[in-house]
Protein backbone atom coordinates (compact mmCIF):
# COMPACT_ATOMS: atom_id res chain seq x y z
CA MET A 1 -7.14 -6.10 18.40
CA GLU A 2 -5.05 -2.27 17.61
CA ALA A 3 -7.30 0.38 19.05
CA THR A 4 -8.23 3.15 16.07
CA PRO A 5 -6.81 6.82 16.55
CA ALA A 6 -9.27 9.55 17.09
CA GLN A 7 -9.75 11.42 13.70
CA VAL A 8 -7.74 14.00 12.93
CA LEU A 9 -9.39 16.71 11.24
CA ILE A 10 -6.67 18.92 9.29
CA SER A 11 -6.77 19.74 5.87
CA LEU A 12 -4.88 21.11 3.10
CA ASP A 13 -6.94 21.85 -0.18
CA PRO A 14 -5.63 20.17 -3.76
CA PRO A 15 -3.87 19.93 -5.91
CA TYR A 16 -1.38 18.07 -4.22
CA ARG A 17 1.24 18.91 -7.03
CA ILE A 18 3.91 21.99 -8.13
CA ALA A 19 3.65 22.89 -11.30
CA ASP A 20 7.26 22.97 -13.07
CA ASP A 21 7.37 26.78 -13.60
CA ALA A 22 6.00 27.40 -9.58
CA THR A 23 8.41 29.42 -7.50
CA GLU A 24 5.88 29.70 -4.75
CA PHE A 25 2.65 28.45 -3.56
CA VAL A 26 -0.49 29.25 -1.60
CA PHE A 27 -1.48 26.32 0.90
CA LEU A 28 -4.96 26.65 2.05
CA GLY A 29 -6.64 24.83 4.88
CA TRP A 30 -8.65 24.76 7.57
CA ALA A 31 -7.39 22.46 10.83
CA GLN A 32 -9.94 21.74 14.28
CA VAL A 33 -9.15 23.79 17.33
CA ASP A 34 -9.68 23.25 21.12
CA ASP A 35 -9.95 27.24 21.20
CA PRO A 36 -10.45 29.64 18.48
CA ALA A 37 -9.67 32.32 20.83
CA ALA A 38 -6.50 30.94 21.33
CA PRO A 39 -5.36 28.51 18.84
CA ASP A 40 -1.72 27.03 18.29
CA VAL A 41 -1.92 26.51 14.69
CA ARG A 42 1.57 25.75 12.96
CA MET A 43 3.29 24.72 9.82
CA THR A 44 6.20 23.44 8.67
CA VAL A 45 7.72 22.65 4.76
CA ASN A 46 10.34 19.62 4.30
CA GLY A 47 11.20 20.70 8.36
CA VAL A 48 11.30 24.47 8.04
CA GLU A 49 8.82 26.63 10.23
CA VAL A 50 6.68 28.80 8.20
CA PRO A 51 4.11 31.46 9.58
CA VAL A 52 0.69 30.62 9.41
CA ARG A 53 -2.22 33.18 8.54
CA LEU A 54 -5.59 32.28 10.73
CA GLY A 55 -9.33 32.98 9.00
CA GLU A 56 -12.59 32.52 10.41
CA ARG A 57 -14.54 29.22 11.03
CA PRO A 58 -14.86 26.98 7.81
CA PRO A 59 -18.33 27.18 6.21
CA ASN A 60 -20.61 24.76 6.52
CA LEU A 61 -18.35 22.69 8.55
CA HIS A 62 -21.09 22.08 10.99
CA LEU A 63 -23.49 20.20 8.47
CA TYR A 64 -20.55 17.26 8.79
CA TYR A 65 -18.67 17.93 12.57
CA LYS A 66 -21.57 19.66 14.57
CA ASP A 67 -19.47 19.67 17.36
CA VAL A 68 -16.01 20.43 16.43
CA GLU A 69 -14.61 24.03 16.41
CA ALA A 70 -11.84 24.96 13.47
CA LEU A 71 -10.28 27.60 12.13
CA THR A 72 -9.26 28.17 8.22
CA PHE A 73 -5.89 28.99 7.56
CA PHE A 74 -3.57 30.06 4.84
CA GLN A 75 -0.13 31.18 3.95
CA ARG A 76 2.14 31.97 0.68
CA VAL A 77 5.16 30.34 0.78
CA HIS A 78 7.96 31.24 -1.88
CA LEU A 79 9.50 27.50 -2.29
CA VAL A 80 12.98 28.02 -4.04
CA ASP A 81 14.30 30.41 -1.68
CA LEU A 82 12.70 28.27 1.47
CA LEU A 83 14.23 25.18 -0.25
CA ARG A 84 17.72 26.91 -0.95
CA ALA A 85 17.87 28.16 2.10
CA ALA A 86 17.59 24.72 4.20
CA PRO A 87 20.20 21.74 4.82
CA PRO A 88 20.51 19.42 1.13
CA PRO A 89 17.73 17.48 0.42
CA PRO A 90 17.25 13.44 1.08
CA GLU A 91 16.55 11.48 -2.35
CA PRO A 92 14.28 10.54 -3.82
CA PHE A 93 12.78 13.90 -3.00
CA LEU A 94 9.73 14.46 -1.49
CA LEU A 95 7.77 18.15 -0.90
CA GLU A 96 6.12 17.63 2.79
CA VAL A 97 3.85 20.03 4.96
CA ALA A 98 3.25 19.44 8.24
CA VAL A 99 0.44 20.75 10.37
CA VAL A 100 0.18 20.82 13.61
CA SER A 101 -2.84 22.10 15.59
CA ASP A 102 -3.26 21.70 19.68
CA GLY A 103 -1.33 18.57 19.37
CA ARG A 104 -3.08 17.30 16.31
CA SER A 105 -0.82 16.71 13.13
CA ARG A 106 -1.23 15.54 9.90
CA VAL A 107 1.34 15.74 6.64
CA PHE A 108 0.23 16.00 3.44
CA GLU A 109 2.55 15.22 0.26
CA TYR A 110 3.40 18.05 -3.09
CA ALA A 111 4.40 15.73 -5.73
CA VAL A 112 7.38 17.69 -8.25
CA SER A 113 9.21 16.75 -11.00
CA GLU A 114 12.93 16.63 -11.37
CA ALA A 115 12.77 19.64 -13.80
CA TRP A 116 11.24 21.67 -11.01
CA LEU A 117 14.13 20.55 -8.75
CA ARG A 118 17.01 21.59 -10.94
CA ARG A 119 15.26 24.65 -10.82
CA VAL A 120 15.23 24.89 -7.26
CA TYR A 121 18.82 23.83 -6.90
CA GLY A 122 20.59 24.50 -9.99
CA ARG A 123 21.49 20.57 -10.14
CA PRO A 124 19.93 17.60 -10.88
CA VAL A 125 17.92 15.90 -7.72
CA ARG A 126 16.01 12.84 -7.95
CA ALA A 127 12.39 13.19 -7.33
CA ARG A 128 9.91 10.69 -5.60
CA ALA A 129 7.95 9.29 -8.50
CA ILE A 130 4.08 10.04 -7.45
CA PRO A 131 1.13 8.39 -9.24
CA PRO A 132 -1.16 10.62 -11.79
CA GLU A 133 -4.53 11.22 -9.15
CA PRO A 134 -6.76 8.22 -10.59
CA LEU A 135 -4.35 5.91 -10.35
CA GLN A 136 -4.31 6.88 -6.20
CA ILE A 137 -7.59 6.63 -6.37
CA ARG A 138 -8.16 3.19 -7.51
CA VAL A 139 -5.64 1.99 -5.01
CA THR A 140 -6.50 4.05 -1.88
CA GLY A 141 -9.84 5.53 -2.64
CA ALA A 142 -8.60 9.29 -2.28
CA ALA A 143 -5.96 11.25 -3.59
CA ALA A 144 -5.14 13.51 -0.37
CA GLY A 145 -1.39 13.90 -0.31
CA GLU A 146 -0.51 10.89 1.40
CA PHE A 147 0.22 8.40 -1.10
CA HIS A 148 3.82 8.06 -0.41
CA ARG A 149 2.84 7.68 3.34
CA THR A 150 0.64 5.19 3.22
CA GLY A 151 2.91 3.14 1.02
CA ARG A 152 5.75 3.41 3.74
CA THR A 153 3.36 2.62 6.52
CA THR A 154 2.15 -0.75 4.50
CA ALA A 155 5.93 -1.38 4.20
CA GLU A 156 6.77 -0.82 7.96
CA GLN A 157 3.85 -3.54 8.51
CA ILE A 158 5.14 -5.67 6.42
CA ALA A 159 8.48 -6.02 7.87
CA GLY A 160 6.96 -6.03 11.09
CA ILE A 161 5.23 -8.88 10.67
CA LEU A 162 7.65 -10.99 9.14
CA ALA A 163 10.31 -9.65 11.70
CA ARG A 164 7.68 -11.14 14.44
CA GLY A 165 7.10 -14.19 12.32
CA GLY A 166 10.92 -15.02 12.57
CA ARG A 167 11.23 -14.60 8.67
CA PRO A 168 12.94 -10.80 8.50
CA LEU A 169 12.87 -9.24 5.50
CA ASP A 170 16.52 -8.50 4.80
CA GLN A 171 17.11 -12.07 4.36
CA HIS A 172 14.82 -12.86 1.16
CA ARG A 173 16.48 -11.86 -1.99
CA ARG A 174 13.98 -12.69 -4.71
CA ILE A 175 10.73 -10.79 -3.59
CA LEU A 176 7.21 -10.14 -5.49
CA ASP A 177 4.44 -7.80 -4.79
CA PHE A 178 1.59 -9.84 -6.69
CA GLY A 179 -1.19 -6.84 -7.03
CA CYS A 180 1.50 -4.16 -6.78
CA GLY A 181 -0.77 -1.49 -8.83
CA PRO A 182 1.35 1.82 -9.53
CA GLY A 183 4.16 0.45 -7.22
CA ARG A 184 3.20 2.32 -4.11
CA VAL A 185 4.02 -0.40 -1.31
CA ILE A 186 7.35 -1.71 -3.35
CA ASP A 187 8.77 1.67 -3.51
CA CYS A 188 9.08 1.76 0.20
CA VAL A 189 10.53 -2.11 0.04
CA HIS A 190 12.71 -0.70 -2.23
CA ASP A 191 13.95 1.85 0.28
CA MET A 192 13.89 -0.68 3.26
CA HIS A 193 15.67 -3.61 1.29
CA PRO A 194 17.61 -2.09 -1.50
CA GLN A 195 19.44 -5.42 -1.89
CA ALA A 196 16.74 -7.27 -2.88
CA GLU A 197 15.63 -7.92 -6.70
CA LEU A 198 12.21 -7.13 -6.47
CA PHE A 199 9.14 -7.46 -9.39
CA GLY A 200 6.09 -5.95 -9.30
CA CYS A 201 2.83 -7.89 -10.95
CA ASP A 202 -0.93 -6.34 -11.27
CA ILE A 203 -4.30 -7.02 -13.68
CA ASP A 204 -3.87 -3.44 -13.99
CA GLY A 205 -2.27 -2.74 -16.92
CA GLU A 206 -2.54 1.19 -16.76
CA ALA A 207 -1.32 1.31 -13.57
CA ILE A 208 2.01 -0.90 -14.22
CA ALA A 209 2.44 0.72 -17.43
CA TRP A 210 3.25 3.76 -15.04
CA ALA A 211 5.25 2.09 -13.06
CA ALA A 212 7.34 0.52 -15.62
CA GLY A 213 7.89 4.36 -16.54
CA ALA A 214 8.65 6.04 -12.80
CA LEU A 215 10.05 3.05 -10.55
CA GLY A 216 11.95 0.85 -13.50
CA GLU A 217 15.08 1.13 -11.72
CA VAL A 218 13.05 0.33 -8.40
CA ALA A 219 11.62 -3.32 -9.87
CA ASP A 220 10.82 -5.31 -12.52
CA PHE A 221 7.11 -4.84 -13.22
CA ARG A 222 5.06 -7.54 -15.27
CA VAL A 223 1.08 -7.30 -16.67
CA ASN A 224 -0.57 -10.79 -15.65
CA GLY A 225 -4.43 -12.13 -16.21
CA LEU A 226 -7.47 -12.52 -14.66
CA GLU A 227 -6.30 -16.22 -14.12
CA PRO A 228 -2.56 -17.61 -13.50
CA PRO A 229 -0.08 -18.53 -15.00
CA LEU A 230 1.83 -15.62 -13.58
CA PRO A 231 4.91 -14.70 -16.26
CA PHE A 232 7.26 -16.13 -13.94
CA GLU A 233 9.36 -19.57 -14.21
CA ASP A 234 8.85 -22.08 -10.94
CA GLU A 235 10.14 -21.52 -7.38
CA SER A 236 11.40 -17.64 -8.59
CA PHE A 237 10.90 -16.20 -5.22
CA ASP A 238 11.64 -16.46 -1.34
CA LEU A 239 8.88 -14.09 -0.41
CA ILE A 240 5.43 -13.17 -2.47
CA TYR A 241 3.37 -10.43 -0.55
CA GLY A 242 0.16 -9.57 -1.76
CA ILE A 243 -2.05 -6.89 -0.13
CA SER A 244 -6.00 -6.61 -0.40
CA VAL A 245 -5.78 -9.11 -3.26
CA PHE A 246 -7.66 -11.90 -1.77
CA THR A 247 -10.15 -9.76 -0.39
CA HIS A 248 -11.54 -9.07 -3.57
CA LEU A 249 -11.74 -12.20 -5.10
CA PRO A 250 -14.20 -15.42 -5.80
CA GLU A 251 -13.63 -18.57 -4.30
CA ASP A 252 -12.42 -20.60 -7.52
CA LEU A 253 -10.43 -17.46 -8.47
CA GLN A 254 -8.41 -17.37 -5.03
CA ASN A 255 -8.26 -21.09 -5.33
CA ALA A 256 -6.41 -20.88 -8.44
CA TRP A 257 -4.01 -17.96 -7.32
CA LEU A 258 -3.10 -19.96 -4.18
CA PHE A 259 -1.89 -23.38 -6.02
CA GLU A 260 -0.21 -20.00 -8.64
CA LEU A 261 1.74 -18.35 -5.63
CA ARG A 262 2.80 -21.88 -4.53
CA ARG A 263 4.41 -22.43 -8.08
CA VAL A 264 6.41 -19.54 -8.09
CA LEU A 265 7.15 -19.71 -4.50
CA LYS A 266 10.77 -21.60 -3.33
CA PRO A 267 10.12 -24.36 -0.85
CA GLY A 268 10.16 -23.05 2.15
CA GLY A 269 9.68 -19.76 1.21
CA THR A 270 6.98 -16.84 2.83
CA LEU A 271 3.67 -15.65 1.31
CA LEU A 272 2.03 -12.65 3.61
CA THR A 273 -1.49 -11.86 2.23
CA THR A 274 -4.89 -10.32 3.91
CA LYS A 275 -8.26 -11.10 4.76
CA LEU A 276 -11.51 -9.52 5.63
CA ASP A 277 -13.49 -10.28 8.53
CA ALA A 278 -17.15 -9.45 7.85
CA ALA A 279 -18.12 -9.40 11.58
CA GLY A 280 -15.87 -6.45 12.26
CA TYR A 281 -18.18 -4.16 9.47
CA ASP A 282 -21.25 -2.68 10.38
CA TYR A 283 -21.46 -2.00 6.04
CA VAL A 284 -21.88 -5.53 5.50
CA PRO A 285 -25.65 -6.64 4.85
CA GLU A 286 -26.83 -9.07 7.30
CA PRO A 287 -26.98 -11.59 4.73
CA VAL A 288 -23.46 -11.42 3.87
CA LYS A 289 -22.17 -11.77 7.41
CA GLN A 290 -24.40 -14.96 8.02
CA ALA A 291 -23.05 -16.63 5.27
CA PHE A 292 -19.93 -15.62 6.39
CA ALA A 293 -20.65 -17.37 9.79
CA ARG A 294 -22.11 -20.29 8.27
CA ASP A 295 -19.19 -21.03 5.90
CA GLY A 296 -16.28 -19.53 7.29
CA PHE A 297 -16.13 -17.68 3.63
CA VAL A 298 -17.95 -15.58 1.33
CA PHE A 299 -18.00 -13.46 -1.81
CA TRP A 300 -20.02 -10.15 -1.68
CA GLY A 301 -20.61 -10.11 -5.49
CA GLU A 302 -22.52 -6.74 -4.88
CA ALA A 303 -20.32 -4.60 -3.40
CA ASP A 304 -19.46 -1.65 -5.07
CA ILE A 305 -16.62 -2.16 -8.31
CA THR A 306 -13.39 -0.48 -8.33
CA GLU A 307 -13.26 1.60 -11.83
CA GLY A 308 -10.36 0.41 -13.76
CA LEU A 309 -10.50 -2.91 -12.60
CA PRO A 310 -12.50 -6.29 -13.75
CA ASP A 311 -16.31 -6.65 -12.45
CA VAL A 312 -15.43 -9.84 -10.79
CA TYR A 313 -13.20 -7.67 -8.17
CA ARG A 314 -15.84 -7.04 -5.15
CA LEU A 315 -15.22 -7.98 -2.00
CA ALA A 316 -14.02 -11.58 -0.08
CA TYR A 317 -14.35 -12.46 3.91
CA HIS A 318 -12.37 -15.42 5.22
CA THR A 319 -12.84 -16.78 8.82
CA ASP A 320 -9.21 -17.28 10.88
CA ASP A 321 -10.65 -21.75 10.51
CA TYR A 322 -11.82 -21.43 6.84
CA VAL A 323 -8.00 -19.77 6.04
CA ARG A 324 -6.10 -22.77 8.18
CA ARG A 325 -8.62 -25.36 6.55
CA VAL A 326 -8.47 -24.03 2.82
CA TRP A 327 -5.09 -22.05 2.57
CA GLY A 328 -3.76 -24.49 4.79
CA ALA A 329 -3.88 -27.10 2.25
CA TYR A 330 -1.80 -25.17 -0.03
CA PHE A 331 0.52 -23.37 2.37
CA ASP A 332 2.05 -23.96 6.40
CA VAL A 333 -0.82 -21.09 8.21
CA LEU A 334 1.80 -19.48 10.66
CA HIS A 335 -0.37 -16.63 11.88
CA ILE A 336 -3.12 -15.12 11.49
CA GLY A 337 -3.26 -11.34 12.87
CA SER A 338 -5.87 -8.88 13.24
CA HIS A 339 -6.53 -5.28 11.81
CA ASP A 340 -2.85 -5.63 11.88
CA LEU A 341 -1.98 -4.41 8.05
CA ASN A 342 -3.62 -0.93 7.10
CA ARG A 343 -6.21 -1.14 10.46
CA THR A 344 -8.36 -2.61 7.94
CA GLN A 345 -7.11 -5.96 7.21
CA ASP A 346 -5.99 -9.28 8.62
CA ALA A 347 -2.34 -10.20 7.90
CA VAL A 348 -1.77 -14.12 6.71
CA LEU A 349 1.94 -15.12 7.23
CA MET A 350 2.32 -18.69 5.12
CA ARG A 351 5.50 -20.73 3.98
CA ARG A 352 5.55 -22.99 1.27
CA PRO A 353 6.33 -26.65 2.63
CA ARG A 354 9.62 -27.92 2.31
CA HIS A 355 10.05 -31.87 0.82
CA ALA A 356 12.35 -34.47 0.48
CA LEU A 357 13.93 -33.12 -2.86
CA SER A 358 13.64 -29.40 -2.31
CA TRP A 359 17.48 -29.17 -1.87
CA LEU A 360 17.69 -29.88 -5.60
CA PRO A 361 17.74 -27.12 -8.71
CA PRO A 362 13.67 -27.15 -9.80
CA LYS A 363 15.02 -28.27 -13.19
CA LEU A 364 16.44 -31.43 -11.68
CA ARG A 365 13.90 -31.92 -9.64
CA ARG A 366 11.11 -31.30 -12.61
CA ARG A 367 13.24 -34.00 -14.55
CA LEU A 368 13.45 -36.85 -11.69
CA HIS A 369 9.68 -36.62 -11.72
CA ALA A 370 9.66 -36.88 -15.34
CA LEU A 371 11.82 -40.04 -15.21
CA LYS A 372 9.78 -41.27 -12.59
CA ALA A 373 6.17 -40.91 -14.44
CA LEU A 374 7.73 -43.01 -17.36
CA ALA A 375 9.14 -45.98 -15.18
CA PRO A 376 7.23 -49.09 -15.18
CA ALA A 377 4.99 -50.16 -12.87
């Protein structure tokens, strides 16, 4: 199991958006330091170092972190002057503020509009699309100025798992993000594999509407129902990934969706999804852990709901043996990880088995099956 890194106690205050008419911005925050008498706190804006003014110890910090030394900091930055003096920006543009405090570091993102960028640079510059705060919270549980970075980390983890499984990302031409939300991961998959034809689907119509408007050049986004089917033809995809989907479904829905994902995945195609291990979390009630140990699967129906999603979406836990036995009825299970996606979820890498007629086009195969069904016994 990968070790969990020490918590980095660095904070910048919201909002994490720059208004269209803003030419300067005041960055306010606080950071843990080793010695308040000799702190080393530095800040950069898109790689350009800016001075930092240090203040006092944050009020009430001791209520949350008893033995932590920290200082407040602030700086007013004239963003137009700073960015115009810097090298031309990569596109899509995202304003990133890095804070380093005695060796600790954290990066915060600030969304900007293309109108703001035109004002800064005097020409069109494509902006990185960041969804509104309610959609960020629905996906990650927070709107803390690192939405794109966490999506990029997940995309990189997906690519790493695929590569180690002998199924590199760039070998897949048609890819579906099952449960894509507002496109946090698929936007980064596009950066990594721009030749792929990308699709995203989700039960959250609000998230899909935002993604279709903001990321329509990245992928084709569709709404799906709580139950199958998906709005795709048989054997449409070479790769399907679904992060934190089966970790929220009761058993009947998980089986229905496994059957449906097998339908839309090509023979020999790749499915990457995730599971949770109830034994690894202190917040899971003991009766839930006992059912998990006994049955290999447990659905915790009393877990908190997620605003904007159906009430049935709670928390589900699977043992490795359960995955091999039950999910293995639909797919070949190639790999089961341990906290190798988002540091909390176990990756499950699978493959749709091939069969004797897999080399034929799907429509011809369906026709042959239909003729066989009509043939006299």
